[in-house]
């Protein structure tokens, strides 16, 4: 689970990190109901916490609690580093759920390596504010991971449309790229019913298998 600073963004009721925690809890409780082991890696631009896979309700409760209260020590994102760490600590084949907004680069090689060894499923977490900014006049934008600032004129319809088109294209390109590599990817937008998306996704996987 990516708990970098960009996950603190949210436009409706929850941040991306809070949505990630809810999905983790849902998947973990489903797994232990099936008598599977569940583990957790929390990462930013460093691996911040590792909980080895175990069974049991108390174990899952600990993981969920850690996700809810954990305060990351770093702000950035390094997916490659987290995947390399996963490869070292997880010997047996497993289902790996990677939750992130994927605001990072240079992680495709370790992503492919993990997908060869494990059953990899990506959850791409997005906030509505990241592709649909409301008209509030001149707005100062802050990159929560790098601290860089920029001014954006939200009163310009052309600028808003171009921004929205760009972000939606980036999302389509990302999902198309991952599926071309044979990696399953679920697009989760904060505020939407992610339970419906999850049920639909796993029904498709069941039909494929």
N, C-alpha and C. Protein backbone atom coordinates (compact mmCIF):
# COMPACT_ATOMS: atom_id res chain seq x y z
N UNK A 1 0.85 -1.18 0.00
CA UNK A 1 0.00 0.00 0.00
C UNK A 1 0.89 1.25 0.00
N UNK A 2 0.64 2.11 -0.98
CA UNK A 2 1.36 3.38 -1.10
C UNK A 2 0.68 4.42 -0.20
N UNK A 3 1.41 4.85 0.83
CA UNK A 3 0.88 5.89 1.74
C UNK A 3 1.68 7.18 1.60
N UNK A 4 2.12 7.49 0.37
CA UNK A 4 2.85 8.72 0.13
C UNK A 4 1.92 9.92 0.27
N UNK A 5 2.51 11.12 0.26
CA UNK A 5 1.74 12.33 0.56
C UNK A 5 0.64 12.61 -0.46
N UNK A 6 0.81 12.16 -1.71
CA UNK A 6 -0.22 12.41 -2.72
C UNK A 6 -1.52 11.67 -2.41
N UNK A 7 -1.45 10.66 -1.53
CA UNK A 7 -2.66 9.94 -1.13
C UNK A 7 -3.53 10.69 -0.15
N UNK A 8 -3.05 11.82 0.35
CA UNK A 8 -3.84 12.61 1.30
C UNK A 8 -4.89 13.47 0.61
N UNK A 9 -4.94 13.43 -0.73
CA UNK A 9 -5.91 14.22 -1.50
C UNK A 9 -7.26 13.53 -1.48
N UNK A 10 -8.33 14.33 -1.36
CA UNK A 10 -9.68 13.79 -1.41
C UNK A 10 -10.67 14.91 -1.69
N UNK A 11 -11.70 14.61 -2.50
CA UNK A 11 -12.65 15.65 -2.88
C UNK A 11 -14.04 15.44 -2.29
N UNK A 12 -14.37 14.25 -1.85
CA UNK A 12 -15.72 13.96 -1.38
C UNK A 12 -15.70 13.79 0.14
N UNK A 13 -15.58 12.56 0.61
CA UNK A 13 -15.60 12.31 2.06
C UNK A 13 -14.28 11.74 2.56
N UNK A 14 -13.51 11.11 1.67
CA UNK A 14 -12.31 10.38 2.09
C UNK A 14 -11.14 10.72 1.21
N UNK A 15 -9.94 10.52 1.76
CA UNK A 15 -8.73 10.65 0.96
C UNK A 15 -8.46 9.33 0.23
N UNK A 16 -7.52 9.38 -0.71
CA UNK A 16 -7.15 8.16 -1.43
C UNK A 16 -6.57 7.13 -0.46
N UNK A 17 -5.80 7.59 0.52
CA UNK A 17 -5.22 6.65 1.49
C UNK A 17 -6.30 5.98 2.34
N UNK A 18 -7.35 6.71 2.68
CA UNK A 18 -8.45 6.13 3.46
C UNK A 18 -9.21 5.10 2.63
N UNK A 19 -9.41 5.38 1.36
CA UNK A 19 -10.07 4.42 0.47
C UNK A 19 -9.21 3.16 0.35
N UNK A 20 -7.88 3.34 0.23
CA UNK A 20 -6.97 2.20 0.15
C UNK A 20 -7.08 1.32 1.39
N UNK A 21 -7.18 1.95 2.56
CA UNK A 21 -7.30 1.19 3.81
C UNK A 21 -8.59 0.39 3.84
N UNK A 22 -9.69 0.98 3.39
CA UNK A 22 -10.97 0.26 3.37
C UNK A 22 -10.91 -0.95 2.43
N UNK A 23 -10.31 -0.75 1.26
CA UNK A 23 -10.21 -1.86 0.30
C UNK A 23 -9.32 -2.97 0.86
N UNK A 24 -8.22 -2.57 1.51
CA UNK A 24 -7.33 -3.55 2.14
C UNK A 24 -8.08 -4.38 3.17
N UNK A 25 -8.87 -3.72 4.00
CA UNK A 25 -9.63 -4.43 5.03
C UNK A 25 -10.60 -5.42 4.39
N UNK A 26 -11.28 -4.98 3.35
CA UNK A 26 -12.24 -5.84 2.66
C UNK A 26 -11.55 -7.07 2.08
N UNK A 27 -10.42 -6.87 1.41
CA UNK A 27 -9.69 -7.99 0.80
C UNK A 27 -9.12 -8.92 1.88
N UNK A 28 -8.59 -8.33 2.95
CA UNK A 28 -7.96 -9.14 3.99
C UNK A 28 -8.97 -10.03 4.71
N UNK A 29 -10.13 -9.47 5.05
CA UNK A 29 -11.15 -10.28 5.73
C UNK A 29 -11.70 -11.36 4.79
N UNK A 30 -11.78 -11.05 3.51
CA UNK A 30 -12.21 -12.07 2.54
C UNK A 30 -11.18 -13.20 2.47
N UNK A 31 -9.90 -12.83 2.54
CA UNK A 31 -8.83 -13.83 2.45
C UNK A 31 -8.83 -14.77 3.65
N UNK A 32 -8.96 -14.22 4.87
CA UNK A 32 -8.91 -15.10 6.04
C UNK A 32 -10.17 -15.96 6.13
N UNK A 33 -11.26 -15.48 5.55
CA UNK A 33 -12.47 -16.31 5.50
C UNK A 33 -12.22 -17.53 4.63
N UNK A 34 -11.30 -17.38 3.66
CA UNK A 34 -10.91 -18.48 2.79
C UNK A 34 -9.70 -19.24 3.36
N UNK A 35 -9.34 -18.92 4.62
CA UNK A 35 -8.22 -19.56 5.32
C UNK A 35 -6.87 -19.28 4.66
N UNK A 36 -6.73 -18.12 4.07
CA UNK A 36 -5.46 -17.71 3.46
C UNK A 36 -4.67 -16.83 4.43
N UNK A 37 -3.35 -16.80 4.22
CA UNK A 37 -2.49 -15.88 4.96
C UNK A 37 -2.53 -14.50 4.30
N UNK A 38 -2.37 -13.46 5.11
CA UNK A 38 -2.36 -12.09 4.60
C UNK A 38 -1.20 -11.33 5.21
N UNK A 39 -0.47 -10.59 4.37
CA UNK A 39 0.62 -9.75 4.85
C UNK A 39 0.45 -8.33 4.33
N UNK A 40 1.33 -7.44 4.76
CA UNK A 40 1.21 -6.03 4.40
C UNK A 40 2.58 -5.37 4.27
N UNK A 41 2.74 -4.59 3.20
CA UNK A 41 3.88 -3.69 3.07
C UNK A 41 3.34 -2.28 2.91
N UNK A 42 3.75 -1.39 3.79
CA UNK A 42 3.43 0.04 3.66
C UNK A 42 4.68 0.73 3.11
N UNK A 43 4.51 1.50 2.04
CA UNK A 43 5.68 2.16 1.46
C UNK A 43 5.38 3.60 1.04
N UNK A 44 6.43 4.38 0.96
CA UNK A 44 6.43 5.72 0.36
C UNK A 44 7.59 5.69 -0.64
N UNK A 45 8.58 6.55 -0.47
CA UNK A 45 9.80 6.38 -1.27
C UNK A 45 10.78 5.45 -0.54
N UNK A 46 10.35 4.94 0.62
CA UNK A 46 11.05 3.89 1.36
C UNK A 46 10.01 2.84 1.79
N UNK A 47 10.46 1.63 2.04
CA UNK A 47 9.58 0.65 2.68
C UNK A 47 9.49 1.03 4.14
N UNK A 48 8.29 1.36 4.60
CA UNK A 48 8.12 1.91 5.95
C UNK A 48 7.72 0.85 6.97
N UNK A 49 7.01 -0.17 6.52
CA UNK A 49 6.55 -1.20 7.49
C UNK A 49 6.24 -2.49 6.74
N UNK A 50 6.64 -3.60 7.34
CA UNK A 50 6.34 -4.91 6.76
C UNK A 50 5.74 -5.80 7.84
N UNK A 51 4.57 -6.35 7.56
CA UNK A 51 3.93 -7.33 8.44
C UNK A 51 3.88 -8.65 7.68
N UNK A 52 4.62 -9.67 8.11
CA UNK A 52 4.65 -10.95 7.40
C UNK A 52 3.28 -11.61 7.33
N UNK A 53 3.04 -12.40 6.28
CA UNK A 53 1.74 -13.05 6.11
C UNK A 53 1.43 -14.04 7.24
N UNK A 54 0.22 -13.91 7.76
CA UNK A 54 -0.28 -14.85 8.77
C UNK A 54 -1.78 -15.01 8.58
N UNK A 55 -2.35 -15.97 9.32
CA UNK A 55 -3.79 -16.19 9.30
C UNK A 55 -4.41 -15.58 10.56
N UNK A 56 -5.75 -15.45 10.52
CA UNK A 56 -6.47 -15.09 11.73
C UNK A 56 -7.03 -13.69 11.76
N UNK A 57 -8.17 -13.57 12.44
CA UNK A 57 -8.87 -12.29 12.54
C UNK A 57 -8.05 -11.25 13.30
N UNK A 58 -7.40 -11.65 14.39
CA UNK A 58 -6.63 -10.69 15.18
C UNK A 58 -5.46 -10.14 14.37
N UNK A 59 -4.88 -10.97 13.52
CA UNK A 59 -3.79 -10.52 12.66
C UNK A 59 -4.28 -9.46 11.67
N UNK A 60 -5.43 -9.71 11.06
CA UNK A 60 -5.99 -8.74 10.11
C UNK A 60 -6.38 -7.46 10.82
N UNK A 61 -6.94 -7.57 12.01
CA UNK A 61 -7.30 -6.37 12.77
C UNK A 61 -6.06 -5.52 13.06
N UNK A 62 -4.94 -6.17 13.34
CA UNK A 62 -3.70 -5.44 13.58
C UNK A 62 -3.28 -4.68 12.32
N UNK A 63 -3.37 -5.34 11.18
CA UNK A 63 -2.98 -4.70 9.93
C UNK A 63 -3.86 -3.49 9.63
N UNK A 64 -5.15 -3.64 9.80
CA UNK A 64 -6.08 -2.54 9.53
C UNK A 64 -5.81 -1.38 10.49
N UNK A 65 -5.57 -1.71 11.75
CA UNK A 65 -5.26 -0.67 12.74
C UNK A 65 -3.98 0.08 12.34
N UNK A 66 -2.98 -0.67 11.92
CA UNK A 66 -1.71 -0.04 11.52
C UNK A 66 -1.92 0.89 10.33
N UNK A 67 -2.73 0.48 9.37
CA UNK A 67 -3.01 1.32 8.21
C UNK A 67 -3.74 2.60 8.62
N UNK A 68 -4.64 2.48 9.59
CA UNK A 68 -5.43 3.64 10.01
C UNK A 68 -4.61 4.67 10.78
N UNK A 69 -3.68 4.20 11.59
CA UNK A 69 -2.96 5.12 12.48
C UNK A 69 -1.54 5.44 12.03
N UNK A 70 -1.04 4.73 11.03
CA UNK A 70 0.36 4.90 10.66
C UNK A 70 0.62 6.30 10.08
N UNK A 71 1.68 6.93 10.56
CA UNK A 71 2.10 8.24 10.05
C UNK A 71 3.40 8.05 9.27
N UNK A 72 3.34 8.14 7.94
CA UNK A 72 4.54 7.91 7.13
C UNK A 72 5.66 8.87 7.48
N UNK A 73 6.88 8.36 7.43
CA UNK A 73 8.05 9.19 7.73
C UNK A 73 8.52 9.97 6.50
N UNK A 74 8.10 9.53 5.33
CA UNK A 74 8.53 10.15 4.08
C UNK A 74 7.32 10.53 3.23
N UNK A 75 7.54 11.40 2.23
CA UNK A 75 6.43 11.91 1.42
C UNK A 75 6.39 11.35 0.00
N UNK A 76 7.53 10.96 -0.54
CA UNK A 76 7.60 10.59 -1.95
C UNK A 76 7.08 9.20 -2.25
N UNK A 77 7.27 8.77 -3.51
CA UNK A 77 6.81 7.45 -3.97
C UNK A 77 7.93 6.74 -4.70
N UNK A 78 8.20 5.50 -4.31
CA UNK A 78 9.16 4.66 -5.04
C UNK A 78 8.60 3.26 -5.13
N UNK A 79 7.84 3.03 -6.21
CA UNK A 79 7.18 1.74 -6.40
C UNK A 79 8.20 0.64 -6.67
N UNK A 80 9.24 0.96 -7.44
CA UNK A 80 10.27 -0.04 -7.77
C UNK A 80 10.92 -0.58 -6.50
N UNK A 81 11.23 0.30 -5.57
CA UNK A 81 11.86 -0.10 -4.32
C UNK A 81 10.95 -1.04 -3.53
N UNK A 82 9.64 -0.73 -3.48
CA UNK A 82 8.69 -1.58 -2.76
C UNK A 82 8.56 -2.95 -3.42
N UNK A 83 8.56 -2.98 -4.75
CA UNK A 83 8.45 -4.26 -5.47
C UNK A 83 9.70 -5.11 -5.30
N UNK A 84 10.86 -4.47 -5.31
CA UNK A 84 12.12 -5.20 -5.07
C UNK A 84 12.11 -5.82 -3.68
N UNK A 85 11.63 -5.06 -2.69
CA UNK A 85 11.54 -5.57 -1.32
C UNK A 85 10.58 -6.75 -1.25
N UNK A 86 9.44 -6.62 -1.91
CA UNK A 86 8.46 -7.71 -1.95
C UNK A 86 9.10 -8.99 -2.51
N UNK A 87 9.89 -8.84 -3.57
CA UNK A 87 10.55 -10.00 -4.18
C UNK A 87 11.51 -10.70 -3.24
N UNK A 88 12.07 -9.94 -2.29
CA UNK A 88 13.03 -10.53 -1.35
C UNK A 88 12.34 -11.23 -0.17
N UNK A 89 11.18 -10.73 0.24
CA UNK A 89 10.55 -11.27 1.45
C UNK A 89 9.44 -12.27 1.16
N UNK A 90 9.01 -12.37 -0.09
CA UNK A 90 7.90 -13.26 -0.43
C UNK A 90 8.39 -14.35 -1.38
N UNK A 91 8.69 -15.52 -0.81
CA UNK A 91 9.26 -16.61 -1.60
C UNK A 91 8.19 -17.39 -2.37
N UNK A 92 7.09 -17.70 -1.69
CA UNK A 92 6.05 -18.52 -2.32
C UNK A 92 5.14 -17.66 -3.20
N UNK A 93 4.58 -18.30 -4.23
CA UNK A 93 3.66 -17.60 -5.12
C UNK A 93 2.44 -17.13 -4.33
N UNK A 94 2.00 -15.91 -4.62
CA UNK A 94 0.89 -15.32 -3.88
C UNK A 94 0.07 -14.41 -4.80
N UNK A 95 -1.09 -14.03 -4.31
CA UNK A 95 -1.84 -12.95 -4.95
C UNK A 95 -1.35 -11.65 -4.33
N UNK A 96 -0.87 -10.75 -5.16
CA UNK A 96 -0.32 -9.47 -4.68
C UNK A 96 -1.22 -8.34 -5.17
N UNK A 97 -1.78 -7.59 -4.22
CA UNK A 97 -2.56 -6.41 -4.54
C UNK A 97 -1.69 -5.18 -4.29
N UNK A 98 -1.45 -4.41 -5.33
CA UNK A 98 -0.64 -3.19 -5.22
C UNK A 98 -1.56 -1.99 -5.33
N UNK A 99 -1.64 -1.21 -4.25
CA UNK A 99 -2.52 -0.03 -4.22
C UNK A 99 -1.70 1.24 -4.22
N UNK A 100 -1.94 2.08 -5.24
CA UNK A 100 -1.17 3.31 -5.38
C UNK A 100 -1.88 4.23 -6.36
N UNK A 101 -1.50 5.51 -6.36
CA UNK A 101 -1.97 6.40 -7.43
C UNK A 101 -0.97 6.40 -8.59
N UNK A 102 0.13 5.66 -8.42
CA UNK A 102 1.14 5.45 -9.47
C UNK A 102 1.71 6.78 -9.99
N UNK A 103 1.86 7.72 -9.09
CA UNK A 103 2.52 8.98 -9.45
C UNK A 103 4.02 8.80 -9.25
N UNK A 104 4.59 8.00 -10.16
CA UNK A 104 5.98 7.61 -10.07
C UNK A 104 6.44 7.16 -11.46
N UNK A 105 7.74 6.95 -11.61
CA UNK A 105 8.30 6.50 -12.88
C UNK A 105 9.30 5.36 -12.63
N UNK A 106 9.68 4.71 -13.73
CA UNK A 106 10.76 3.71 -13.71
C UNK A 106 10.48 2.53 -12.79
N UNK A 107 9.26 2.01 -12.84
CA UNK A 107 8.94 0.84 -12.03
C UNK A 107 8.45 -0.34 -12.88
N UNK A 108 8.49 -0.21 -14.21
CA UNK A 108 7.91 -1.25 -15.05
C UNK A 108 8.71 -2.56 -15.00
N UNK A 109 10.04 -2.48 -14.92
CA UNK A 109 10.84 -3.70 -14.88
C UNK A 109 10.54 -4.53 -13.64
N UNK A 110 10.59 -3.97 -12.42
CA UNK A 110 10.23 -4.77 -11.24
C UNK A 110 8.75 -5.17 -11.23
N UNK A 111 7.89 -4.36 -11.87
CA UNK A 111 6.48 -4.72 -11.96
C UNK A 111 6.31 -6.00 -12.78
N UNK A 112 7.02 -6.08 -13.91
CA UNK A 112 6.97 -7.30 -14.73
C UNK A 112 7.54 -8.49 -13.96
N UNK A 113 8.63 -8.26 -13.23
CA UNK A 113 9.26 -9.36 -12.48
C UNK A 113 8.29 -9.93 -11.45
N UNK A 114 7.59 -9.06 -10.72
CA UNK A 114 6.61 -9.53 -9.73
C UNK A 114 5.44 -10.23 -10.41
N UNK A 115 5.00 -9.71 -11.56
CA UNK A 115 3.86 -10.32 -12.26
C UNK A 115 4.19 -11.72 -12.80
N UNK A 116 5.48 -11.99 -13.09
CA UNK A 116 5.88 -13.33 -13.53
C UNK A 116 5.84 -14.33 -12.38
N UNK A 117 6.21 -13.87 -11.19
CA UNK A 117 6.31 -14.78 -10.04
C UNK A 117 5.00 -14.90 -9.27
N UNK A 118 4.18 -13.85 -9.31
CA UNK A 118 2.96 -13.82 -8.51
C UNK A 118 1.76 -13.42 -9.37
N UNK A 119 0.58 -13.59 -8.79
CA UNK A 119 -0.65 -13.11 -9.42
C UNK A 119 -0.85 -11.66 -8.98
N UNK A 120 -0.50 -10.72 -9.86
CA UNK A 120 -0.45 -9.30 -9.50
C UNK A 120 -1.71 -8.56 -9.96
N UNK A 121 -2.31 -7.82 -9.05
CA UNK A 121 -3.49 -7.00 -9.35
C UNK A 121 -3.20 -5.57 -8.89
N UNK A 122 -3.37 -4.61 -9.78
CA UNK A 122 -3.12 -3.21 -9.46
C UNK A 122 -4.42 -2.49 -9.15
N UNK A 123 -4.40 -1.67 -8.12
CA UNK A 123 -5.50 -0.76 -7.82
C UNK A 123 -4.98 0.65 -8.04
N UNK A 124 -5.47 1.33 -9.07
CA UNK A 124 -5.04 2.70 -9.30
C UNK A 124 -6.04 3.64 -8.64
N UNK A 125 -5.60 4.34 -7.60
CA UNK A 125 -6.47 5.20 -6.80
C UNK A 125 -6.40 6.63 -7.31
N UNK A 126 -7.57 7.21 -7.57
CA UNK A 126 -7.63 8.59 -8.08
C UNK A 126 -8.64 9.40 -7.28
N UNK A 127 -8.37 10.70 -7.18
CA UNK A 127 -9.32 11.64 -6.60
C UNK A 127 -9.99 12.41 -7.74
N UNK A 128 -11.23 12.78 -7.53
CA UNK A 128 -11.93 13.58 -8.55
C UNK A 128 -11.20 14.90 -8.82
N UNK A 129 -10.56 15.45 -7.79
CA UNK A 129 -9.85 16.72 -7.96
C UNK A 129 -8.67 16.59 -8.90
N UNK A 130 -8.23 15.39 -9.16
CA UNK A 130 -7.08 15.19 -10.03
C UNK A 130 -7.44 15.19 -11.52
N UNK A 131 -8.72 15.21 -11.82
CA UNK A 131 -9.08 15.31 -13.23
C UNK A 131 -10.31 16.20 -13.47
N UNK A 132 -10.87 16.75 -12.41
CA UNK A 132 -12.03 17.62 -12.56
C UNK A 132 -11.98 18.73 -11.50
N UNK A 133 -11.24 19.81 -11.81
CA UNK A 133 -11.09 20.91 -10.87
C UNK A 133 -12.27 21.88 -11.01
N UNK A 134 -12.92 22.28 -9.93
CA UNK A 134 -14.03 23.24 -10.03
C UNK A 134 -13.52 24.65 -10.34
N UNK A 135 -14.42 25.50 -10.83
CA UNK A 135 -14.08 26.89 -11.14
C UNK A 135 -14.08 27.69 -9.84
N UNK A 136 -12.87 27.97 -9.34
CA UNK A 136 -12.74 28.76 -8.11
C UNK A 136 -11.80 29.95 -8.34
N UNK A 137 -11.60 30.32 -9.61
CA UNK A 137 -10.72 31.44 -9.93
C UNK A 137 -9.27 31.01 -9.97
N UNK A 138 -8.37 31.92 -9.60
CA UNK A 138 -6.94 31.63 -9.62
C UNK A 138 -6.59 30.73 -8.43
N UNK A 139 -6.01 29.58 -8.73
CA UNK A 139 -5.78 28.56 -7.71
C UNK A 139 -4.30 28.22 -7.63
N UNK A 140 -3.75 28.19 -6.42
CA UNK A 140 -2.38 27.75 -6.24
C UNK A 140 -2.37 26.25 -5.96
N UNK A 141 -1.65 25.51 -6.82
CA UNK A 141 -1.56 24.07 -6.67
C UNK A 141 -0.24 23.71 -6.01
N UNK A 142 -0.29 22.72 -5.12
CA UNK A 142 0.89 22.27 -4.39
C UNK A 142 1.10 20.79 -4.64
N UNK A 143 2.32 20.43 -5.09
CA UNK A 143 2.69 19.02 -5.19
C UNK A 143 3.06 18.55 -3.80
N UNK A 144 2.23 17.69 -3.21
CA UNK A 144 2.41 17.31 -1.81
C UNK A 144 3.67 16.47 -1.59
N UNK A 145 4.23 15.90 -2.66
CA UNK A 145 5.42 15.07 -2.51
C UNK A 145 6.71 15.85 -2.71
N UNK A 146 6.70 16.83 -3.66
CA UNK A 146 7.93 17.57 -3.95
C UNK A 146 7.94 18.98 -3.36
N UNK A 147 6.75 19.49 -2.99
CA UNK A 147 6.65 20.85 -2.46
C UNK A 147 6.59 21.92 -3.54
N UNK A 148 6.61 21.54 -4.81
CA UNK A 148 6.55 22.51 -5.90
C UNK A 148 5.15 23.13 -5.98
N UNK A 149 5.12 24.43 -6.32
CA UNK A 149 3.86 25.17 -6.41
C UNK A 149 3.68 25.72 -7.81
N UNK A 150 2.40 25.90 -8.22
CA UNK A 150 2.10 26.48 -9.53
C UNK A 150 0.73 27.14 -9.46
N UNK A 151 0.54 28.19 -10.26
CA UNK A 151 -0.75 28.86 -10.34
C UNK A 151 -1.54 28.32 -11.52
N UNK A 152 -2.86 28.15 -11.29
CA UNK A 152 -3.73 27.61 -12.34
C UNK A 152 -5.01 28.42 -12.37
N UNK A 153 -5.39 28.89 -13.55
CA UNK A 153 -6.60 29.72 -13.70
C UNK A 153 -7.80 28.82 -13.97
N UNK A 154 -8.56 28.52 -12.92
CA UNK A 154 -9.71 27.62 -13.07
C UNK A 154 -10.92 28.31 -13.69
N UNK A 155 -10.85 29.64 -13.90
CA UNK A 155 -11.96 30.33 -14.55
C UNK A 155 -11.91 30.16 -16.07
N UNK A 156 -10.82 29.61 -16.59
CA UNK A 156 -10.68 29.37 -18.03
C UNK A 156 -11.23 27.99 -18.37
N UNK A 157 -12.36 27.95 -19.10
CA UNK A 157 -12.95 26.67 -19.47
C UNK A 157 -12.00 25.85 -20.33
N UNK A 158 -11.27 26.54 -21.21
CA UNK A 158 -10.32 25.83 -22.08
C UNK A 158 -9.25 25.13 -21.25
N UNK A 159 -8.72 25.83 -20.25
CA UNK A 159 -7.69 25.24 -19.40
C UNK A 159 -8.23 24.04 -18.62
N UNK A 160 -9.46 24.18 -18.08
CA UNK A 160 -10.07 23.08 -17.34
C UNK A 160 -10.30 21.87 -18.24
N UNK A 161 -10.79 22.13 -19.46
CA UNK A 161 -11.05 21.03 -20.40
C UNK A 161 -9.75 20.33 -20.79
N UNK A 162 -8.70 21.12 -21.05
CA UNK A 162 -7.41 20.54 -21.44
C UNK A 162 -6.83 19.71 -20.29
N UNK A 163 -6.96 20.24 -19.07
CA UNK A 163 -6.47 19.52 -17.89
C UNK A 163 -7.21 18.20 -17.73
N UNK A 164 -8.54 18.23 -17.82
CA UNK A 164 -9.35 17.03 -17.66
C UNK A 164 -9.03 16.01 -18.74
N UNK A 165 -8.89 16.47 -19.98
CA UNK A 165 -8.58 15.56 -21.10
C UNK A 165 -7.22 14.90 -20.89
N UNK A 166 -6.25 15.69 -20.44
CA UNK A 166 -4.90 15.15 -20.22
C UNK A 166 -4.90 14.08 -19.14
N UNK A 167 -5.57 14.36 -18.00
CA UNK A 167 -5.57 13.40 -16.89
C UNK A 167 -6.32 12.12 -17.25
N UNK A 168 -7.44 12.26 -17.98
CA UNK A 168 -8.19 11.07 -18.39
C UNK A 168 -7.40 10.25 -19.41
N UNK A 169 -6.67 10.93 -20.29
CA UNK A 169 -5.83 10.21 -21.27
C UNK A 169 -4.72 9.46 -20.56
N UNK A 170 -4.09 10.10 -19.58
CA UNK A 170 -3.03 9.42 -18.83
C UNK A 170 -3.57 8.17 -18.15
N UNK A 171 -4.78 8.26 -17.61
CA UNK A 171 -5.37 7.10 -16.94
C UNK A 171 -5.67 5.99 -17.93
N UNK A 172 -6.25 6.34 -19.09
CA UNK A 172 -6.54 5.32 -20.11
C UNK A 172 -5.26 4.66 -20.60
N UNK A 173 -4.23 5.48 -20.83
CA UNK A 173 -2.96 4.95 -21.31
C UNK A 173 -2.33 4.00 -20.29
N UNK A 174 -2.44 4.36 -19.01
CA UNK A 174 -1.88 3.52 -17.96
C UNK A 174 -2.58 2.15 -17.93
N UNK A 175 -3.90 2.16 -17.93
CA UNK A 175 -4.66 0.91 -17.86
C UNK A 175 -4.41 0.06 -19.11
N UNK A 176 -4.39 0.70 -20.29
CA UNK A 176 -4.12 -0.02 -21.53
C UNK A 176 -2.74 -0.65 -21.51
N UNK A 177 -1.74 0.10 -21.01
CA UNK A 177 -0.37 -0.40 -20.93
C UNK A 177 -0.26 -1.60 -20.00
N UNK A 178 -0.91 -1.54 -18.85
CA UNK A 178 -0.84 -2.64 -17.90
C UNK A 178 -1.55 -3.89 -18.44
N UNK A 179 -2.69 -3.70 -19.06
CA UNK A 179 -3.42 -4.85 -19.60
C UNK A 179 -2.67 -5.48 -20.77
N UNK A 180 -1.95 -4.66 -21.54
CA UNK A 180 -1.13 -5.19 -22.64
C UNK A 180 -0.01 -6.07 -22.10
N UNK A 181 0.43 -5.81 -20.87
CA UNK A 181 1.45 -6.62 -20.22
C UNK A 181 0.84 -7.82 -19.50
N UNK A 182 -0.47 -7.97 -19.57
CA UNK A 182 -1.14 -9.08 -18.90
C UNK A 182 -1.34 -8.87 -17.41
N UNK A 183 -1.29 -7.59 -16.97
CA UNK A 183 -1.46 -7.27 -15.55
C UNK A 183 -2.84 -6.67 -15.33
N UNK A 184 -3.61 -7.27 -14.44
CA UNK A 184 -4.95 -6.76 -14.14
C UNK A 184 -4.85 -5.43 -13.41
N UNK A 185 -5.75 -4.51 -13.77
CA UNK A 185 -5.73 -3.18 -13.17
C UNK A 185 -7.16 -2.71 -12.93
N UNK A 186 -7.42 -2.22 -11.71
CA UNK A 186 -8.74 -1.69 -11.36
C UNK A 186 -8.61 -0.20 -11.10
N UNK A 187 -9.43 0.58 -11.77
CA UNK A 187 -9.44 2.04 -11.60
C UNK A 187 -10.43 2.39 -10.49
N UNK A 188 -9.92 2.95 -9.39
CA UNK A 188 -10.76 3.31 -8.25
C UNK A 188 -10.78 4.82 -8.11
N UNK A 189 -11.96 5.42 -8.26
CA UNK A 189 -12.11 6.86 -8.11
C UNK A 189 -12.76 7.15 -6.76
N UNK A 190 -12.08 7.95 -5.95
CA UNK A 190 -12.59 8.30 -4.62
C UNK A 190 -13.99 8.91 -4.75
N UNK A 191 -14.92 8.36 -3.97
CA UNK A 191 -16.31 8.80 -4.03
C UNK A 191 -17.22 7.84 -4.77
N UNK A 192 -16.62 6.96 -5.62
CA UNK A 192 -17.42 5.98 -6.35
C UNK A 192 -17.63 4.73 -5.49
N UNK A 193 -18.54 3.87 -5.93
CA UNK A 193 -18.82 2.62 -5.22
C UNK A 193 -17.77 1.58 -5.63
N UNK A 194 -16.69 1.49 -4.85
CA UNK A 194 -15.61 0.57 -5.22
C UNK A 194 -16.00 -0.88 -4.99
N UNK A 195 -16.99 -1.14 -4.12
CA UNK A 195 -17.43 -2.52 -3.88
C UNK A 195 -17.99 -3.11 -5.18
N UNK A 196 -18.78 -2.33 -5.89
CA UNK A 196 -19.33 -2.78 -7.17
C UNK A 196 -18.21 -3.08 -8.17
N UNK A 197 -17.19 -2.21 -8.19
CA UNK A 197 -16.05 -2.42 -9.09
C UNK A 197 -15.31 -3.71 -8.74
N UNK A 198 -15.13 -3.96 -7.44
CA UNK A 198 -14.43 -5.17 -7.00
C UNK A 198 -15.21 -6.43 -7.38
N UNK A 199 -16.52 -6.42 -7.13
CA UNK A 199 -17.34 -7.59 -7.44
C UNK A 199 -17.30 -7.88 -8.94
N UNK A 200 -17.43 -6.83 -9.75
CA UNK A 200 -17.38 -7.01 -11.20
C UNK A 200 -16.04 -7.55 -11.66
N UNK A 201 -14.96 -7.05 -11.07
CA UNK A 201 -13.62 -7.50 -11.44
C UNK A 201 -13.42 -8.97 -11.11
N UNK A 202 -13.78 -9.39 -9.89
CA UNK A 202 -13.56 -10.78 -9.50
C UNK A 202 -14.49 -11.74 -10.24
N UNK A 203 -15.66 -11.28 -10.64
CA UNK A 203 -16.53 -12.13 -11.48
C UNK A 203 -15.87 -12.38 -12.83
N UNK A 204 -15.25 -11.35 -13.41
CA UNK A 204 -14.55 -11.51 -14.69
C UNK A 204 -13.39 -12.46 -14.55
N UNK A 205 -12.63 -12.34 -13.46
CA UNK A 205 -11.50 -13.25 -13.23
C UNK A 205 -11.98 -14.70 -13.08
N UNK A 206 -13.11 -14.88 -12.41
CA UNK A 206 -13.65 -16.23 -12.22
C UNK A 206 -14.04 -16.86 -13.56
N UNK A 207 -14.63 -16.04 -14.43
CA UNK A 207 -15.01 -16.56 -15.76
C UNK A 207 -13.78 -16.92 -16.58
N UNK A 208 -12.72 -16.08 -16.47
CA UNK A 208 -11.49 -16.36 -17.22
C UNK A 208 -10.85 -17.67 -16.78
N UNK A 209 -10.86 -17.89 -15.46
CA UNK A 209 -10.20 -19.08 -14.93
C UNK A 209 -11.04 -20.34 -15.14
